[in-house]
Amino acid sequence: ITRQVDVWLNDAIRANTSDVAARKSSQDYAK
């Protein structure tokens, strides 16, 4: 039974999620 996973897409989403969270935190403190 095999999972159908796009590894590249998942990695890109996680990296983008981390980047967005870090930028939001920095922006909130800057404000």
PDB file of all heavy atoms in Angstrom:
ATOM      1  N   ILE A   1       0.880  -1.166   0.000  1.00  0.00           N
ATOM      2  CA  ILE A   1       0.000   0.000   0.000  1.00  0.00           C
ATOM      3  C   ILE A   1       0.916   1.213   0.000  1.00  0.00           C
ATOM      4  O   ILE A   1       1.689   1.412   0.929  1.00  0.00           O
ATOM      5  CB  ILE A   1      -0.924   0.014   1.222  1.00  0.00           C
ATOM      6  CG1 ILE A   1      -1.847  -1.215   1.181  1.00  0.00           C
ATOM      7  CG2 ILE A   1      -1.739   1.302   1.269  1.00  0.00           C
ATOM      8  CD1 ILE A   1      -2.697  -1.368   2.416  1.00  0.00           C
ATOM      9  N   THR A   2       0.839   2.000  -1.051  1.00  0.00           N
ATOM     10  CA  THR A   2       1.802   3.083  -1.261  1.00  0.00           C
ATOM     11  C   THR A   2       1.130   4.441  -1.157  1.00  0.00           C
ATOM     12  O   THR A   2       0.045   4.655  -1.706  1.00  0.00           O
ATOM     13  CB  THR A   2       2.443   2.960  -2.656  1.00  0.00           C
ATOM     14  OG1 THR A   2       2.978   1.642  -2.806  1.00  0.00           O
ATOM     15  CG2 THR A   2       3.569   3.982  -2.819  1.00  0.00           C
ATOM     16  N   ARG A   3       1.777   5.346  -0.431  1.00  0.00           N
ATOM     17  CA  ARG A   3       1.296   6.725  -0.346  1.00  0.00           C
ATOM     18  C   ARG A   3       1.740   7.487  -1.587  1.00  0.00           C
ATOM     19  O   ARG A   3       2.892   7.399  -2.007  1.00  0.00           O
ATOM     20  CB  ARG A   3       1.854   7.421   0.895  1.00  0.00           C
ATOM     21  CG  ARG A   3       1.435   6.808   2.193  1.00  0.00           C
ATOM     22  CD  ARG A   3       2.209   7.375   3.355  1.00  0.00           C
ATOM     23  NE  ARG A   3       1.783   8.711   3.738  1.00  0.00           N
ATOM     24  CZ  ARG A   3       2.568   9.774   3.769  1.00  0.00           C
ATOM     25  NH1 ARG A   3       3.825   9.687   3.393  1.00  0.00           N
ATOM     26  NH2 ARG A   3       2.102  10.949   4.179  1.00  0.00           N
ATOM     27  N   GLN A   4       0.830   8.265  -2.137  1.00  0.00           N
ATOM     28  CA  GLN A   4       1.149   9.083  -3.296  1.00  0.00           C
ATOM     29  C   GLN A   4       1.555  10.472  -2.802  1.00  0.00           C
ATOM     30  O   GLN A   4       0.708  11.299  -2.487  1.00  0.00           O
ATOM     31  CB  GLN A   4      -0.052   9.161  -4.233  1.00  0.00           C
ATOM     32  CG  GLN A   4      -0.567   7.813  -4.675  1.00  0.00           C
ATOM     33  CD  GLN A   4       0.496   7.004  -5.387  1.00  0.00           C
ATOM     34  OE1 GLN A   4       1.157   7.474  -6.326  1.00  0.00           O
ATOM     35  NE2 GLN A   4       0.707   5.771  -4.944  1.00  0.00           N
ATOM     36  N   VAL A   5       2.852  10.686  -2.708  1.00  0.00           N
ATOM     37  CA  VAL A   5       3.378  11.915  -2.105  1.00  0.00           C
ATOM     38  C   VAL A   5       4.310  12.616  -3.087  1.00  0.00           C
ATOM     39  O   VAL A   5       5.161  11.980  -3.707  1.00  0.00           O
ATOM     40  CB  VAL A   5       4.143  11.601  -0.797  1.00  0.00           C
ATOM     41  CG1 VAL A   5       4.729  12.872  -0.212  1.00  0.00           C
ATOM     42  CG2 VAL A   5       3.223  10.930   0.205  1.00  0.00           C
ATOM     43  N   ASP A   6       4.119  13.934  -3.205  1.00  0.00           N
ATOM     44  CA  ASP A   6       5.043  14.766  -3.972  1.00  0.00           C
ATOM     45  C   ASP A   6       6.069  15.322  -2.981  1.00  0.00           C
ATOM     46  O   ASP A   6       5.818  16.300  -2.280  1.00  0.00           O
ATOM     47  CB  ASP A   6       4.292  15.906  -4.663  1.00  0.00           C
ATOM     48  CG  ASP A   6       5.168  16.681  -5.645  1.00  0.00           C
ATOM     49  OD1 ASP A   6       6.377  16.792  -5.386  1.00  0.00           O
ATOM     50  OD2 ASP A   6       4.629  17.181  -6.656  1.00  0.00           O
ATOM     51  N   VAL A   7       7.209  14.656  -2.894  1.00  0.00           N
ATOM     52  CA  VAL A   7       8.226  15.023  -1.901  1.00  0.00           C
ATOM     53  C   VAL A   7       8.713  16.447  -2.110  1.00  0.00           C
ATOM     54  O   VAL A   7       8.857  17.226  -1.157  1.00  0.00           O
ATOM     55  CB  VAL A   7       9.409  14.035  -1.957  1.00  0.00           C
ATOM     56  CG1 VAL A   7      10.509  14.461  -0.980  1.00  0.00           C
ATOM     57  CG2 VAL A   7       8.940  12.624  -1.628  1.00  0.00           C
ATOM     58  N   TRP A   8       8.953  16.826  -3.359  1.00  0.00           N
ATOM     59  CA  TRP A   8       9.461  18.178  -3.646  1.00  0.00           C
ATOM     60  C   TRP A   8       8.451  19.229  -3.204  1.00  0.00           C
ATOM     61  O   TRP A   8       8.821  20.233  -2.588  1.00  0.00           O
ATOM     62  CB  TRP A   8       9.738  18.330  -5.138  1.00  0.00           C
ATOM     63  CG  TRP A   8      10.280  19.680  -5.479  1.00  0.00           C
ATOM     64  CD1 TRP A   8      11.579  20.086  -5.490  1.00  0.00           C
ATOM     65  CD2 TRP A   8       9.497  20.843  -5.843  1.00  0.00           C
ATOM     66  NE1 TRP A   8      11.678  21.413  -5.825  1.00  0.00           N
ATOM     67  CE2 TRP A   8      10.421  21.912  -6.055  1.00  0.00           C
ATOM     68  CE3 TRP A   8       8.143  21.092  -6.004  1.00  0.00           C
ATOM     69  CZ2 TRP A   8      10.001  23.185  -6.422  1.00  0.00           C
ATOM     70  CZ3 TRP A   8       7.730  22.367  -6.363  1.00  0.00           C
ATOM     71  CH2 TRP A   8       8.658  23.390  -6.568  1.00  0.00           C
ATOM     72  N   LEU A   9       7.167  18.978  -3.511  1.00  0.00           N
ATOM     73  CA  LEU A   9       6.128  19.949  -3.145  1.00  0.00           C
ATOM     74  C   LEU A   9       6.005  20.064  -1.627  1.00  0.00           C
ATOM     75  O   LEU A   9       5.895  21.174  -1.085  1.00  0.00           O
ATOM     76  CB  LEU A   9       4.783  19.527  -3.747  1.00  0.00           C
ATOM     77  CG  LEU A   9       3.584  20.434  -3.434  1.00  0.00           C
ATOM     78  CD1 LEU A   9       3.839  21.846  -3.943  1.00  0.00           C
ATOM     79  CD2 LEU A   9       2.307  19.857  -4.037  1.00  0.00           C
ATOM     80  N   ASN A  10       6.035  18.927  -0.925  1.00  0.00           N
ATOM     81  CA  ASN A  10       5.954  18.959   0.534  1.00  0.00           C
ATOM     82  C   ASN A  10       7.124  19.719   1.145  1.00  0.00           C
ATOM     83  O   ASN A  10       6.950  20.513   2.083  1.00  0.00           O
ATOM     84  CB  ASN A  10       5.918  17.537   1.093  1.00  0.00           C
ATOM     85  CG  ASN A  10       4.548  16.889   0.956  1.00  0.00           C
ATOM     86  OD1 ASN A  10       3.588  17.546   0.584  1.00  0.00           O
ATOM     87  ND2 ASN A  10       4.465  15.613   1.246  1.00  0.00           N
ATOM     88  N   ASP A  11       8.326  19.475   0.617  1.00  0.00           N
ATOM     89  CA  ASP A  11       9.503  20.181   1.128  1.00  0.00           C
ATOM     90  C   ASP A  11       9.374  21.687   0.895  1.00  0.00           C
ATOM     91  O   ASP A  11       9.726  22.502   1.759  1.00  0.00           O
ATOM     92  CB  ASP A  11      10.775  19.658   0.455  1.00  0.00           C
ATOM     93  CG  ASP A  11      11.147  18.256   0.927  1.00  0.00           C
ATOM     94  OD1 ASP A  11      10.598  17.820   1.955  1.00  0.00           O
ATOM     95  OD2 ASP A  11      11.983  17.598   0.268  1.00  0.00           O
ATOM     96  N   ALA A  12       8.871  22.054  -0.291  1.00  0.00           N
ATOM     97  CA  ALA A  12       8.710  23.477  -0.614  1.00  0.00           C
ATOM     98  C   ALA A  12       7.680  24.131   0.299  1.00  0.00           C
ATOM     99  O   ALA A  12       7.874  25.256   0.770  1.00  0.00           O
ATOM    100  CB  ALA A  12       8.299  23.633  -2.077  1.00  0.00           C
ATOM    101  N   ILE A  13       6.586  23.422   0.582  1.00  0.00           N
ATOM    102  CA  ILE A  13       5.541  23.959   1.454  1.00  0.00           C
ATOM    103  C   ILE A  13       6.077  24.156   2.864  1.00  0.00           C
ATOM    104  O   ILE A  13       5.833  25.191   3.498  1.00  0.00           O
ATOM    105  CB  ILE A  13       4.314  23.029   1.469  1.00  0.00           C
ATOM    106  CG1 ILE A  13       3.602  23.071   0.113  1.00  0.00           C
ATOM    107  CG2 ILE A  13       3.353  23.415   2.586  1.00  0.00           C
ATOM    108  CD1 ILE A  13       2.475  22.080  -0.030  1.00  0.00           C
ATOM    109  N   ARG A  14       6.829  23.185   3.365  1.00  0.00           N
ATOM    110  CA  ARG A  14       7.375  23.302   4.720  1.00  0.00           C
ATOM    111  C   ARG A  14       8.372  24.446   4.823  1.00  0.00           C
ATOM    112  O   ARG A  14       8.363  25.210   5.794  1.00  0.00           O
ATOM    113  CB  ARG A  14       8.038  21.981   5.121  1.00  0.00           C
ATOM    114  CG  ARG A  14       7.052  20.849   5.369  1.00  0.00           C
ATOM    115  CD  ARG A  14       7.748  19.512   5.439  1.00  0.00           C
ATOM    116  NE  ARG A  14       6.786  18.423   5.560  1.00  0.00           N
ATOM    117  CZ  ARG A  14       7.071  17.157   5.285  1.00  0.00           C
ATOM    118  NH1 ARG A  14       8.289  16.824   4.904  1.00  0.00           N
ATOM    119  NH2 ARG A  14       6.150  16.224   5.426  1.00  0.00           N
ATOM    120  N   ALA A  15       9.240  24.554   3.822  1.00  0.00           N
ATOM    121  CA  ALA A  15      10.217  25.640   3.837  1.00  0.00           C
ATOM    122  C   ALA A  15       9.511  26.990   3.786  1.00  0.00           C
ATOM    123  O   ALA A  15       9.882  27.933   4.494  1.00  0.00           O
ATOM    124  CB  ALA A  15      11.181  25.497   2.663  1.00  0.00           C
ATOM    125  N   ASN A  16       8.476  27.086   2.951  1.00  0.00           N
ATOM    126  CA  ASN A  16       7.728  28.345   2.841  1.00  0.00           C
ATOM    127  C   ASN A  16       6.977  28.648   4.130  1.00  0.00           C
ATOM    128  O   ASN A  16       6.919  29.809   4.566  1.00  0.00           O
ATOM    129  CB  ASN A  16       6.743  28.256   1.678  1.00  0.00           C
ATOM    130  CG  ASN A  16       6.005  29.557   1.443  1.00  0.00           C
ATOM    131  OD1 ASN A  16       6.586  30.555   1.040  1.00  0.00           O
ATOM    132  ND2 ASN A  16       4.705  29.557   1.698  1.00  0.00           N
ATOM    133  N   THR A  17       6.425  27.609   4.760  1.00  0.00           N
ATOM    134  CA  THR A  17       5.714  27.795   6.035  1.00  0.00           C
ATOM    135  C   THR A  17       6.659  28.341   7.098  1.00  0.00           C
ATOM    136  O   THR A  17       6.312  29.263   7.845  1.00  0.00           O
ATOM    137  CB  THR A  17       5.106  26.473   6.513  1.00  0.00           C
ATOM    138  OG1 THR A  17       4.151  26.007   5.544  1.00  0.00           O
ATOM    139  CG2 THR A  17       4.409  26.637   7.850  1.00  0.00           C
ATOM    140  N   SER A  18       7.867  27.762   7.173  1.00  0.00           N
ATOM    141  CA  SER A  18       8.856  28.229   8.148  1.00  0.00           C
ATOM    142  C   SER A  18       9.236  29.679   7.873  1.00  0.00           C
ATOM    143  O   SER A  18       9.340  30.496   8.797  1.00  0.00           O
ATOM    144  CB  SER A  18      10.106  27.341   8.093  1.00  0.00           C
ATOM    145  OG  SER A  18       9.813  26.015   8.469  1.00  0.00           O
ATOM    146  N   ASP A  19       9.427  30.006   6.591  1.00  0.00           N
ATOM    147  CA  ASP A  19       9.824  31.363   6.226  1.00  0.00           C
ATOM    148  C   ASP A  19       8.730  32.367   6.559  1.00  0.00           C
ATOM    149  O   ASP A  19       9.004  33.442   7.111  1.00  0.00           O
ATOM    150  CB  ASP A  19      10.150  31.408   4.729  1.00  0.00           C
ATOM    151  CG  ASP A  19      10.659  32.774   4.293  1.00  0.00           C
ATOM    152  OD1 ASP A  19      11.701  33.200   4.806  1.00  0.00           O
ATOM    153  OD2 ASP A  19      10.006  33.408   3.440  1.00  0.00           O
ATOM    154  N   VAL A  20       7.472  32.017   6.249  1.00  0.00           N
ATOM    155  CA  VAL A  20       6.351  32.917   6.528  1.00  0.00           C
ATOM    156  C   VAL A  20       6.192  33.137   8.033  1.00  0.00           C
ATOM    157  O   VAL A  20       5.982  34.268   8.487  1.00  0.00           O
ATOM    158  CB  VAL A  20       5.043  32.359   5.928  1.00  0.00           C
ATOM    159  CG1 VAL A  20       3.839  33.139   6.433  1.00  0.00           C
ATOM    160  CG2 VAL A  20       5.096  32.411   4.405  1.00  0.00           C
ATOM    161  N   ALA A  21       6.320  32.059   8.815  1.00  0.00           N
ATOM    162  CA  ALA A  21       6.175  32.180  10.266  1.00  0.00           C
ATOM    163  C   ALA A  21       7.270  33.067  10.849  1.00  0.00           C
ATOM    164  O   ALA A  21       7.005  33.909  11.719  1.00  0.00           O
ATOM    165  CB  ALA A  21       6.224  30.792  10.908  1.00  0.00           C
ATOM    166  N   ALA A  22       8.508  32.892  10.357  1.00  0.00           N
ATOM    167  CA  ALA A  22       9.615  33.707  10.859  1.00  0.00           C
ATOM    168  C   ALA A  22       9.436  35.174  10.490  1.00  0.00           C
ATOM    169  O   ALA A  22       9.660  36.073  11.310  1.00  0.00           O
ATOM    170  CB  ALA A  22      10.934  33.182  10.303  1.00  0.00           C
ATOM    171  N   ARG A  23       9.005  35.423   9.244  1.00  0.00           N
ATOM    172  CA  ARG A  23       8.799  36.806   8.802  1.00  0.00           C
ATOM    173  C   ARG A  23       7.659  37.469   9.576  1.00  0.00           C
ATOM    174  O   ARG A  23       7.750  38.656   9.932  1.00  0.00           O
ATOM    175  CB  ARG A  23       8.505  36.835   7.297  1.00  0.00           C
ATOM    176  CG  ARG A  23       9.709  36.514   6.429  1.00  0.00           C
ATOM    177  CD  ARG A  23       9.328  36.485   4.965  1.00  0.00           C
ATOM    178  NE  ARG A  23      10.457  36.135   4.117  1.00  0.00           N
ATOM    179  CZ  ARG A  23      11.327  37.000   3.635  1.00  0.00           C
ATOM    180  NH1 ARG A  23      11.191  38.303   3.908  1.00  0.00           N
ATOM    181  NH2 ARG A  23      12.322  36.606   2.870  1.00  0.00           N
ATOM    182  N   LYS A  24       6.598  36.727   9.838  1.00  0.00           N
ATOM    183  CA  LYS A  24       5.469  37.297  10.578  1.00  0.00           C
ATOM    184  C   LYS A  24       5.893  37.651  12.003  1.00  0.00           C
ATOM    185  O   LYS A  24       5.521  38.707  12.527  1.00  0.00           O
ATOM    186  CB  LYS A  24       4.310  36.303  10.615  1.00  0.00           C
ATOM    187  CG  LYS A  24       3.061  36.865  11.308  1.00  0.00           C
ATOM    188  CD  LYS A  24       1.931  35.860  11.320  1.00  0.00           C
ATOM    189  CE  LYS A  24       0.678  36.470  11.941  1.00  0.00           C
ATOM    190  NZ  LYS A  24       0.900  36.967  13.306  1.00  0.00           N
ATOM    191  N   SER A  25       6.663  36.759  12.622  1.00  0.00           N
ATOM    192  CA  SER A  25       7.128  37.038  13.987  1.00  0.00           C
ATOM    193  C   SER A  25       7.994  38.288  14.014  1.00  0.00           C
ATOM    194  O   SER A  25       7.814  39.165  14.869  1.00  0.00           O
ATOM    195  CB  SER A  25       7.908  35.839  14.518  1.00  0.00           C
ATOM    196  OG  SER A  25       8.386  36.086  15.818  1.00  0.00           O
ATOM    197  N   SER A  26       8.924  38.401  13.067  1.00  0.00           N
ATOM    198  CA  SER A  26       9.798  39.574  13.005  1.00  0.00           C
ATOM    199  C   SER A  26       8.994  40.843  12.743  1.00  0.00           C
ATOM    200  O   SER A  26       9.243  41.896  13.339  1.00  0.00           O
ATOM    201  CB  SER A  26      10.855  39.385  11.909  1.00  0.00           C
ATOM    202  OG  SER A  26      11.690  38.278  12.193  1.00  0.00           O
ATOM    203  N   GLN A  27       8.021  40.739  11.852  1.00  0.00           N
ATOM    204  CA  GLN A  27       7.191  41.902  11.516  1.00  0.00           C
ATOM    205  C   GLN A  27       6.366  42.356  12.717  1.00  0.00           C
ATOM    206  O   GLN A  27       6.241  43.565  12.973  1.00  0.00           O
ATOM    207  CB  GLN A  27       6.268  41.553  10.350  1.00  0.00           C
ATOM    208  CG  GLN A  27       5.462  42.732   9.828  1.00  0.00           C
ATOM    209  CD  GLN A  27       4.582  42.349   8.650  1.00  0.00           C
ATOM    210  OE1 GLN A  27       4.040  41.252   8.593  1.00  0.00           O
ATOM    211  NE2 GLN A  27       4.438  43.254   7.701  1.00  0.00           N
ATOM    212  N   ASP A  28       5.823  41.390  13.466  1.00  0.00           N
ATOM    213  CA  ASP A  28       5.015  41.739  14.642  1.00  0.00           C
ATOM    214  C   ASP A  28       5.851  42.474  15.681  1.00  0.00           C
ATOM    215  O   ASP A  28       5.402  43.479  16.259  1.00  0.00           O
ATOM    216  CB  ASP A  28       4.413  40.475  15.254  1.00  0.00           C
ATOM    217  CG  ASP A  28       3.304  39.878  14.395  1.00  0.00           C
ATOM    218  OD1 ASP A  28       2.806  40.593  13.504  1.00  0.00           O
ATOM    219  OD2 ASP A  28       2.949  38.705  14.616  1.00  0.00           O
ATOM    220  N   TYR A  29       7.072  41.993  15.928  1.00  0.00           N
ATOM    221  CA  TYR A  29       7.928  42.655  16.915  1.00  0.00           C
ATOM    222  C   TYR A  29       8.394  44.021  16.411  1.00  0.00           C
ATOM    223  O   TYR A  29       8.522  44.972  17.196  1.00  0.00           O
ATOM    224  CB  TYR A  29       9.125  41.769  17.263  1.00  0.00           C
ATOM    225  CG  TYR A  29       8.762  40.651  18.209  1.00  0.00           C
ATOM    226  CD1 TYR A  29       8.868  39.331  17.820  1.00  0.00           C
ATOM    227  CD2 TYR A  29       8.281  40.928  19.485  1.00  0.00           C
ATOM    228  CE1 TYR A  29       8.516  38.298  18.686  1.00  0.00           C
ATOM    229  CE2 TYR A  29       7.925  39.910  20.350  1.00  0.00           C
ATOM    230  CZ  TYR A  29       8.043  38.592  19.946  1.00  0.00           C
ATOM    231  OH  TYR A  29       7.683  37.591  20.806  1.00  0.00           O
ATOM    232  N   ALA A  30       8.647  44.121  15.107  1.00  0.00           N
ATOM    233  CA  ALA A  30       9.046  45.410  14.540  1.00  0.00           C
ATOM    234  C   ALA A  30       7.931  46.439  14.705  1.00  0.00           C
ATOM    235  O   ALA A  30       8.180  47.608  15.035  1.00  0.00           O
ATOM    236  CB  ALA A  30       9.403  45.252  13.067  1.00  0.00           C
ATOM    237  N   LYS A  31       6.687  45.997  14.492  1.00  0.00           N
ATOM    238  CA  LYS A  31       5.547  46.899  14.664  1.00  0.00           C
ATOM    239  C   LYS A  31       5.406  47.334  16.126  1.00  0.00           C
ATOM    240  O   LYS A  31       5.085  48.484  16.413  1.00  0.00           O
ATOM    241  CB  LYS A  31       4.269  46.220  14.190  1.00  0.00           C
ATOM    242  CG  LYS A  31       4.146  46.095  12.676  1.00  0.00           C
ATOM    243  CD  LYS A  31       2.836  45.441  12.291  1.00  0.00           C
ATOM    244  CE  LYS A  31       2.681  45.360  10.772  1.00  0.00           C
ATOM    245  NZ  LYS A  31       1.401  44.686  10.386  1.00  0.00           N
TER     246      LYS A  31
END
